[in-house]
Structure formats: structure tokens, C-alpha cells
Amino acid sequence: MKLRTVVGGLVTGILNGLLGAGGGMIAVPMLKKQLDTKTAHATSVCIILPICIISSINYLSQGRVTINDALPYILWGVIGAIIGTIALQRLRARVLRKLFALLMLWAGIRLLTA
């Protein structure tokens, strides 16, 4: 196993648990060094799933979130995930890269100005 894989996985998990982010921001750029754009995005979702499950269990057990607060977001998030996976199949890799870059830029600006 490469050191980059170990460090990337650790950083992704830490950022996800700490900030609720990290999967896309860390995993996609890391994965794009060895995978095509669409495969990198799809693989990052598979990486994030177990990380999010563990973080969710910990937050629920700590009382930091209630299932009632999360449920509407879960429902609409599942619908959005279905739409997103269909869109990933249809979008060109170039468009996907630009959308991802814009999302990261927007997220950074929002974090700095919030």
C-alpha cells in the first residue's frame, strides 16, 4: 500500500469526522492521479460511505444530532444521489471537472465569509 493512500485515507476520515467534509475535497484529487475523472468521483462516494456511517453512529450516540433533524435531509439526499449518479453517466469528464472546481471554489468562499 502506498503512503499516499494511507495519508489520503486518514486525512479524508479525519476531515469527514471533524468537519463533515473531506470525501470529495480530498479523495477526488487524490484518486484522479490514478483514475479517470468519472471513476474518481464514483470511487470517492464508495470511500465516503463507511466513513460517514461511522461518523453518523458516533454523532448519534453523542446526542449531537437527532434522527428527526436528519431525516428530511436523508430523504432528499437519497433522491439527489439518484439524480447525481444518472448525471455522472451523462456528463462529459471536462464538464464534471469544471463543476467540481466551481463547487470547491463556492464552498471555500462560503466558509471564509460565513
Protein backbone atom coordinates (compact mmCIF):
# COMPACT_ATOMS: atom_id res chain seq x y z
CA MET A 1 0.00 0.00 0.00
CA LYS A 2 1.34 3.41 -0.95
CA LEU A 3 1.98 6.08 1.66
CA ARG A 4 -0.19 8.49 -0.36
CA THR A 5 -3.12 6.07 0.03
CA VAL A 6 -2.64 5.81 3.80
CA VAL A 7 -2.29 9.57 4.29
CA GLY A 8 -5.15 10.35 1.91
CA GLY A 9 -7.44 7.90 3.69
CA LEU A 10 -6.53 9.24 7.12
CA VAL A 11 -6.99 12.87 6.09
CA THR A 12 -10.31 12.06 4.40
CA GLY A 13 -11.59 10.30 7.51
CA ILE A 14 -10.38 12.98 9.91
CA LEU A 15 -11.87 15.82 7.87
CA ASN A 16 -15.14 13.95 7.47
CA GLY A 17 -15.43 13.25 11.18
CA LEU A 18 -14.28 16.71 12.24
CA LEU A 19 -15.80 18.99 9.60
CA GLY A 20 -18.37 16.84 7.84
CA ALA A 21 -16.34 17.26 4.68
CA GLY A 22 -13.32 15.72 3.09
CA GLY A 23 -14.52 12.99 0.81
CA GLY A 24 -14.83 14.98 -2.34
CA MET A 25 -12.30 17.63 -1.49
CA ILE A 26 -9.55 15.19 -0.59
CA ALA A 27 -10.42 11.86 -2.20
CA VAL A 28 -11.26 13.07 -5.72
CA PRO A 29 -7.99 14.95 -6.36
CA MET A 30 -6.06 12.04 -4.82
CA LEU A 31 -7.89 9.46 -6.93
CA LYS A 32 -7.58 11.46 -10.16
CA LYS A 33 -3.85 10.79 -10.11
CA GLN A 34 -4.57 7.14 -10.85
CA LEU A 35 -8.16 7.01 -12.20
CA ASP A 36 -10.17 8.80 -14.85
CA THR A 37 -12.41 11.66 -13.68
CA LYS A 38 -15.72 9.80 -13.57
CA THR A 39 -14.22 6.76 -11.86
CA ALA A 40 -12.51 9.01 -9.29
CA HIS A 41 -15.80 10.70 -8.41
CA ALA A 42 -17.67 7.40 -8.17
CA THR A 43 -14.89 5.81 -6.12
CA SER A 44 -14.85 8.74 -3.70
CA VAL A 45 -18.51 8.06 -2.89
CA CYS A 46 -17.67 4.44 -2.08
CA ILE A 47 -14.83 5.63 0.16
CA ILE A 48 -17.05 8.14 1.95
CA LEU A 49 -19.90 5.70 2.70
CA PRO A 50 -18.25 3.71 5.52
CA ILE A 51 -16.60 6.86 6.87
CA CYS A 52 -19.98 8.63 7.04
CA ILE A 53 -21.65 5.62 8.65
CA ILE A 54 -19.05 5.57 11.45
CA SER A 55 -19.23 9.36 11.92
CA SER A 56 -23.05 9.21 11.96
CA ILE A 57 -23.13 6.47 14.58
CA ASN A 58 -20.71 8.43 16.77
CA TYR A 59 -22.65 11.70 16.42
CA LEU A 60 -25.99 9.98 17.11
CA SER A 61 -24.60 8.22 20.19
CA GLN A 62 -23.13 11.51 21.46
CA GLY A 63 -26.50 13.23 21.02
CA ARG A 64 -25.05 15.79 18.62
CA VAL A 65 -27.80 15.07 16.10
CA THR A 66 -31.23 13.52 16.25
CA ILE A 67 -32.65 11.27 13.59
CA ASN A 68 -35.68 13.59 13.33
CA ASP A 69 -33.43 16.52 12.42
CA ALA A 70 -31.51 14.47 9.88
CA LEU A 71 -34.38 12.52 8.28
CA PRO A 72 -35.63 15.19 5.81
CA TYR A 73 -32.07 15.73 4.57
CA ILE A 74 -31.53 12.00 4.27
CA LEU A 75 -34.71 11.60 2.19
CA TRP A 76 -33.91 14.41 -0.20
CA GLY A 77 -30.23 13.46 -0.22
CA VAL A 78 -31.13 9.96 -1.44
CA ILE A 79 -33.23 11.46 -4.24
CA GLY A 80 -30.36 13.81 -5.10
CA ALA A 81 -27.91 10.89 -5.12
CA ILE A 82 -30.04 9.06 -7.67
CA ILE A 83 -30.14 12.15 -9.87
CA GLY A 84 -26.39 12.67 -9.40
CA THR A 85 -25.44 9.13 -10.39
CA ILE A 86 -27.55 9.41 -13.54
CA ALA A 87 -25.96 12.79 -14.34
CA LEU A 88 -22.45 11.38 -13.81
CA GLN A 89 -23.10 8.84 -16.57
CA ARG A 90 -24.20 11.55 -18.99
CA LEU A 91 -21.80 14.40 -18.26
CA ARG A 92 -18.53 14.74 -20.10
CA ALA A 93 -15.46 14.46 -17.89
CA ARG A 94 -14.43 18.02 -18.78
CA VAL A 95 -17.77 19.41 -17.62
CA LEU A 96 -17.59 17.33 -14.44
CA ARG A 97 -14.11 18.71 -13.65
CA LYS A 98 -15.35 22.28 -14.10
CA LEU A 99 -18.45 21.69 -11.96
CA PHE A 100 -16.30 20.16 -9.22
CA ALA A 101 -13.86 23.07 -9.34
CA LEU A 102 -16.73 25.57 -9.12
CA LEU A 103 -18.23 23.69 -6.17
CA MET A 104 -14.90 23.71 -4.32
CA LEU A 105 -14.46 27.41 -5.05
CA TRP A 106 -18.00 28.21 -3.88
CA ALA A 107 -17.55 26.12 -0.72
CA GLY A 108 -14.28 27.87 0.08
CA ILE A 109 -15.80 31.32 -0.37
CA ARG A 110 -18.82 30.38 1.78
CA LEU A 111 -16.57 29.09 4.56
CA LEU A 112 -14.43 32.22 4.52
CA THR A 113 -17.39 34.62 4.52
CA ALA A 114 -19.79 32.81 6.87
